[in-house]
Amino acid sequence: MRCFLLALGAAVTAAAVGGLTSASAADLPEAMPTKAPVMMAPAYDWSGFYIGVHVGGVWDHRTVTTNNIATGVAVPLGTGTGNLGSVTGGAQAGFNFVLAPGWVAGLEADVSGAGLDGTTIVTATRFGTDQHHNELDLYGTVRGRVGYAVNNVLLYGTGGLAWADEKITRTQVTGVFANAVAPVSETATQTGVGWAAGAGVEWGFARNWSARAEYLHLDLGTQSFTFPLAMQRNDAKVNLDVVRAGVNYKFEGW
């Protein structure tokens, strides 16, 4: 009998301890699941030296006045206008630096080729007929750029110096004017210098690569072309409008 009572007491004690352990475990809060840390993509780096190429379209708008200078006093003989268009392409190089968070400034130079040529003036007088053929094959700019970047997208404005190599050929088609006898031709060249302004958007699509779309207006002022045989001078006022796309590669460590 005594053995039975001892065995019964041990069983009751074990059951009570087990119940308390189960209740304590149930009262414990569940462990919060751990979250993986969120990795932020690094901001696109616009600073540094870059080179690139571009292609697009260019339009030449010009007004040319022909003057008789035989007496030493310019006498207008006629005025013509021309509107030409051509494919254009070339290369650019520049340097960007970050002014403040989001703000980017830089300097860029470019040179482009074009096939702008056409006849602006055909003049028929009692002395005969002549024509004036203008060509513009090479132009370029040196510009500052300032823009605002939202990570890898940069919106910018730009402005600076513009230049272009210009050539006009005067041909005496029929008759004689001063010492120009048909079919003699005279060619005069000038480098037009003026200003350029525009705007664009650039997209950094890889660590060292970006693509852009850009518009530029070039005002090259008025250039004078003299033809000694005909004793004439052409005053040409030229403007260019350029729309182009390009790709740049930015070097590391600049």
Protein backbone atom coordinates (compact mmCIF):
# COMPACT_ATOMS: atom_id res chain seq x y z
CA MET A 1 0.00 0.00 0.00
CA ARG A 2 2.75 2.39 0.87
CA CYS A 3 4.48 1.72 -2.43
CA PHE A 4 1.26 2.41 -4.29
CA LEU A 5 0.81 5.81 -2.61
CA LEU A 6 4.40 6.80 -3.39
CA ALA A 7 3.96 5.89 -7.06
CA LEU A 8 0.67 7.84 -7.28
CA GLY A 9 2.29 10.97 -5.74
CA ALA A 10 5.17 10.86 -8.22
CA ALA A 11 2.75 10.65 -11.17
CA VAL A 12 0.71 13.65 -9.93
CA THR A 13 3.86 15.74 -9.42
CA ALA A 14 5.13 14.93 -12.93
CA ALA A 15 1.79 15.90 -14.51
CA ALA A 16 1.74 19.24 -12.66
CA VAL A 17 5.29 20.13 -13.71
CA GLY A 18 4.52 19.22 -17.35
CA GLY A 19 1.43 21.44 -17.32
CA LEU A 20 3.37 24.41 -15.99
CA THR A 21 6.08 23.96 -18.63
CA SER A 22 3.51 23.83 -21.44
CA ALA A 23 1.74 26.95 -20.14
CA SER A 24 5.02 28.87 -19.85
CA ALA A 25 5.96 27.99 -23.43
CA ALA A 26 2.53 29.07 -24.67
CA ASP A 27 2.88 32.43 -22.92
CA LEU A 28 6.15 33.25 -24.73
CA PRO A 29 5.78 35.70 -27.72
CA GLU A 30 6.47 34.35 -31.16
CA ALA A 31 9.82 35.36 -32.68
CA MET A 32 9.53 38.12 -35.34
CA PRO A 33 10.63 37.01 -38.80
CA THR A 34 13.87 38.68 -39.92
CA LYS A 35 13.79 40.82 -43.13
CA ALA A 36 16.61 40.96 -45.62
CA PRO A 37 18.23 44.44 -45.76
CA VAL A 38 17.06 46.61 -48.68
CA MET A 39 19.97 47.37 -51.02
CA MET A 40 19.74 50.86 -52.59
CA ALA A 41 21.09 51.28 -56.12
CA PRO A 42 23.98 53.76 -56.21
CA ALA A 43 23.28 57.16 -57.78
CA TYR A 44 24.50 57.56 -61.36
CA ASP A 45 27.83 59.39 -61.54
CA TRP A 46 27.78 62.17 -64.16
CA SER A 47 31.20 63.60 -63.32
CA GLY A 48 34.24 63.00 -65.50
CA PHE A 49 35.71 63.28 -68.99
CA TYR A 50 33.80 61.81 -71.95
CA ILE A 51 33.96 61.43 -75.71
CA GLY A 52 31.24 60.50 -78.16
CA VAL A 53 29.70 60.64 -81.62
CA HIS A 54 26.48 62.11 -83.00
CA VAL A 55 24.28 62.06 -86.10
CA GLY A 56 21.22 64.03 -87.15
CA GLY A 57 19.97 66.77 -89.44
CA VAL A 58 21.09 70.38 -90.07
CA TRP A 59 19.22 73.20 -91.82
CA ASP A 60 20.90 76.29 -93.31
CA HIS A 61 18.89 79.53 -93.48
CA ARG A 62 20.68 82.43 -95.19
CA THR A 63 20.19 85.82 -96.77
CA VAL A 64 22.80 86.96 -99.32
CA THR A 65 23.13 90.50 -100.67
CA THR A 66 25.29 91.15 -103.76
CA ASN A 67 27.02 94.53 -103.91
CA ASN A 68 28.83 96.30 -106.75
CA ILE A 69 32.12 97.69 -105.34
CA ALA A 70 33.66 98.93 -108.61
CA THR A 71 33.50 102.57 -107.51
CA GLY A 72 34.61 101.89 -103.94
CA VAL A 73 31.06 102.43 -102.69
CA ALA A 74 28.93 99.32 -102.18
CA VAL A 75 25.80 99.45 -104.34
CA PRO A 76 23.31 96.59 -103.73
CA LEU A 77 22.58 94.64 -106.90
CA GLY A 78 20.26 91.98 -105.53
CA THR A 79 19.27 89.89 -102.52
CA GLY A 80 18.54 86.18 -102.35
CA THR A 81 17.54 83.72 -99.67
CA GLY A 82 18.35 80.05 -99.28
CA ASN A 83 17.00 77.21 -97.13
CA LEU A 84 19.05 74.03 -97.34
CA GLY A 85 19.00 70.77 -95.41
CA SER A 86 21.48 67.94 -94.96
CA VAL A 87 22.42 64.94 -92.86
CA THR A 88 25.09 65.84 -90.33
CA GLY A 89 27.43 63.82 -88.15
CA GLY A 90 30.54 64.23 -86.05
CA ALA A 91 32.17 63.86 -82.65
CA GLN A 92 32.17 65.60 -79.28
CA ALA A 93 34.30 65.64 -76.13
CA GLY A 94 33.67 67.24 -72.77
CA PHE A 95 33.96 67.23 -69.00
CA ASN A 96 31.20 67.24 -66.36
CA PHE A 97 31.35 67.97 -62.65
CA VAL A 98 28.68 67.94 -59.95
CA LEU A 99 27.89 71.38 -58.51
CA ALA A 100 25.45 70.20 -55.83
CA PRO A 101 23.11 67.24 -55.35
CA GLY A 102 21.28 66.95 -58.67
CA TRP A 103 23.05 69.84 -60.41
CA VAL A 104 25.62 69.14 -63.13
CA ALA A 105 27.81 71.60 -65.09
CA GLY A 106 30.37 71.05 -67.80
CA LEU A 107 32.15 72.17 -70.94
CA GLU A 108 31.86 70.53 -74.37
CA ALA A 109 33.42 70.98 -77.82
CA ASP A 110 32.16 69.34 -81.02
CA VAL A 111 32.87 69.31 -84.75
CA SER A 112 30.43 68.17 -87.44
CA GLY A 113 30.38 67.60 -91.17
CA ALA A 114 27.49 68.48 -93.48
CA GLY A 115 26.64 68.68 -97.16
CA LEU A 116 24.95 72.08 -97.33
CA ASP A 117 25.31 73.54 -100.82
CA GLY A 118 22.98 75.33 -103.20
CA THR A 119 22.52 78.35 -105.46
CA THR A 120 21.29 81.40 -103.57
CA ILE A 121 21.28 84.15 -106.21
CA VAL A 122 20.89 84.18 -109.98
CA THR A 123 21.17 87.75 -111.32
CA ALA A 124 20.28 88.77 -114.88
CA THR A 125 21.36 92.28 -115.92
CA ARG A 126 22.18 94.07 -119.17
CA PHE A 127 25.74 92.84 -118.61
CA GLY A 128 24.71 89.18 -118.59
CA THR A 129 23.75 86.52 -116.07
CA ASP A 130 25.64 85.30 -113.01
CA GLN A 131 24.95 82.84 -110.21
CA HIS A 132 26.23 82.52 -106.63
CA HIS A 133 26.65 79.01 -105.22
CA ASN A 134 27.21 78.64 -101.45
CA GLU A 135 28.66 75.67 -99.55
CA LEU A 136 29.00 74.85 -95.84
CA ASP A 137 30.73 71.54 -95.14
CA LEU A 138 32.20 71.87 -91.63
CA TYR A 139 31.02 73.55 -88.42
CA GLY A 140 31.43 73.23 -84.68
CA THR A 141 30.80 74.69 -81.23
CA VAL A 142 32.45 75.18 -77.84
CA ARG A 143 29.71 75.37 -75.20
CA GLY A 144 29.02 75.34 -71.51
CA ARG A 145 26.33 73.00 -70.17
CA VAL A 146 24.23 73.26 -66.99
CA GLY A 147 21.56 70.74 -66.08
CA TYR A 148 19.63 68.92 -63.41
CA ALA A 149 19.95 65.14 -63.01
CA VAL A 150 17.40 62.73 -61.58
CA ASN A 151 19.73 59.78 -61.03
CA ASN A 152 20.58 58.62 -64.58
CA VAL A 153 18.50 61.20 -66.53
CA LEU A 154 19.99 64.65 -67.14
CA LEU A 155 18.06 67.64 -68.53
CA TYR A 156 20.34 70.48 -69.63
CA GLY A 157 20.67 73.81 -71.38
CA THR A 158 23.76 74.80 -73.33
CA GLY A 159 25.33 77.84 -74.98
CA GLY A 160 28.61 79.22 -76.26
CA LEU A 161 30.73 79.85 -79.35
CA ALA A 162 29.89 78.61 -82.87
CA TRP A 163 31.94 78.56 -86.09
CA ALA A 164 31.56 77.31 -89.66
CA ASP A 165 33.69 77.11 -92.82
CA GLU A 166 31.77 78.82 -95.61
CA LYS A 167 32.46 79.10 -99.34
CA ILE A 168 30.71 81.02 -102.14
CA THR A 169 31.50 80.55 -105.83
CA ARG A 170 30.42 83.25 -108.28
CA THR A 171 30.10 82.21 -111.93
CA GLN A 172 29.59 84.58 -114.87
CA VAL A 173 27.14 82.45 -116.85
CA THR A 174 26.68 84.81 -119.84
CA GLY A 175 28.05 88.21 -120.82
CA VAL A 176 30.63 90.30 -118.99
CA PHE A 177 30.57 92.07 -115.62
CA ALA A 178 33.61 94.25 -114.91
CA ASN A 179 36.51 91.89 -115.67
CA ALA A 180 34.51 88.68 -115.21
CA VAL A 181 33.90 87.12 -118.64
CA ALA A 182 31.67 84.07 -119.04
CA PRO A 183 32.22 81.31 -118.06
CA VAL A 184 34.79 82.46 -115.45
CA SER A 185 34.27 81.48 -111.79
CA GLU A 186 35.66 83.03 -108.62
CA THR A 187 35.64 81.41 -105.18
CA ALA A 188 35.86 83.13 -101.81
CA THR A 189 35.97 81.49 -98.37
CA GLN A 190 35.37 82.69 -94.82
CA THR A 191 35.10 81.22 -91.35
CA GLY A 192 31.87 82.44 -89.85
CA VAL A 193 31.96 82.98 -86.08
CA GLY A 194 28.95 83.53 -83.83
CA TRP A 195 27.03 81.92 -80.99
CA ALA A 196 25.15 78.69 -80.29
CA ALA A 197 22.37 77.85 -77.83
CA GLY A 198 20.14 74.88 -77.23
CA ALA A 199 18.88 72.17 -74.89
CA GLY A 200 18.86 68.41 -74.56
CA VAL A 201 18.25 65.30 -72.50
CA GLU A 202 20.84 62.62 -71.70
CA TRP A 203 20.23 59.12 -70.33
CA GLY A 204 22.88 57.06 -68.58
CA PHE A 205 22.00 53.55 -69.67
CA ALA A 206 25.13 51.86 -68.29
CA ARG A 207 27.93 52.69 -65.87
CA ASN A 208 30.14 54.40 -68.48
CA TRP A 209 27.65 54.95 -71.31
CA SER A 210 25.00 57.55 -72.02
CA ALA A 211 22.74 58.47 -74.94
CA ARG A 212 21.37 61.92 -75.74
CA ALA A 213 19.01 63.92 -77.93
CA GLU A 214 19.81 67.59 -78.54
CA TYR A 215 18.71 70.74 -80.38
CA LEU A 216 21.09 73.62 -81.23
CA HIS A 217 20.62 76.97 -82.95
CA LEU A 218 23.75 78.57 -84.45
CA ASP A 219 23.86 82.25 -85.43
CA LEU A 220 27.01 82.81 -87.53
CA GLY A 221 26.49 86.52 -88.13
CA THR A 222 27.20 88.18 -91.50
CA GLN A 223 30.32 87.27 -93.52
CA SER A 224 31.63 89.17 -96.56
CA PHE A 225 32.95 87.38 -99.68
CA THR A 226 34.82 89.47 -102.29
CA PHE A 227 35.16 88.63 -106.00
CA PRO A 228 37.91 90.86 -107.53
CA LEU A 229 37.27 90.12 -111.21
CA ALA A 230 33.57 90.93 -111.01
CA MET A 231 34.22 93.75 -108.53
CA GLN A 232 31.44 92.40 -106.34
CA ARG A 233 30.99 91.55 -102.69
CA ASN A 234 28.51 89.12 -101.18
CA ASP A 235 27.29 89.71 -97.62
CA ALA A 236 25.86 86.44 -96.28
CA LYS A 237 23.92 86.20 -93.01
CA VAL A 238 23.74 82.53 -91.97
CA ASN A 239 21.82 80.61 -89.29
CA LEU A 240 21.87 76.87 -88.66
CA ASP A 241 19.36 74.66 -86.83
CA VAL A 242 20.60 71.24 -85.70
CA VAL A 243 18.68 68.25 -84.33
CA ARG A 244 20.84 65.26 -83.44
CA ALA A 245 21.25 62.16 -81.30
CA GLY A 246 24.50 60.89 -79.81
CA VAL A 247 26.27 58.37 -77.61
CA ASN A 248 29.00 59.16 -75.06
CA TYR A 249 31.58 57.05 -73.23
CA LYS A 250 32.77 58.38 -69.84
CA PHE A 251 36.24 57.45 -68.61
CA GLU A 252 36.84 56.16 -65.10
CA GLY A 253 39.10 57.99 -62.67
CA TRP A 254 38.42 61.55 -63.87
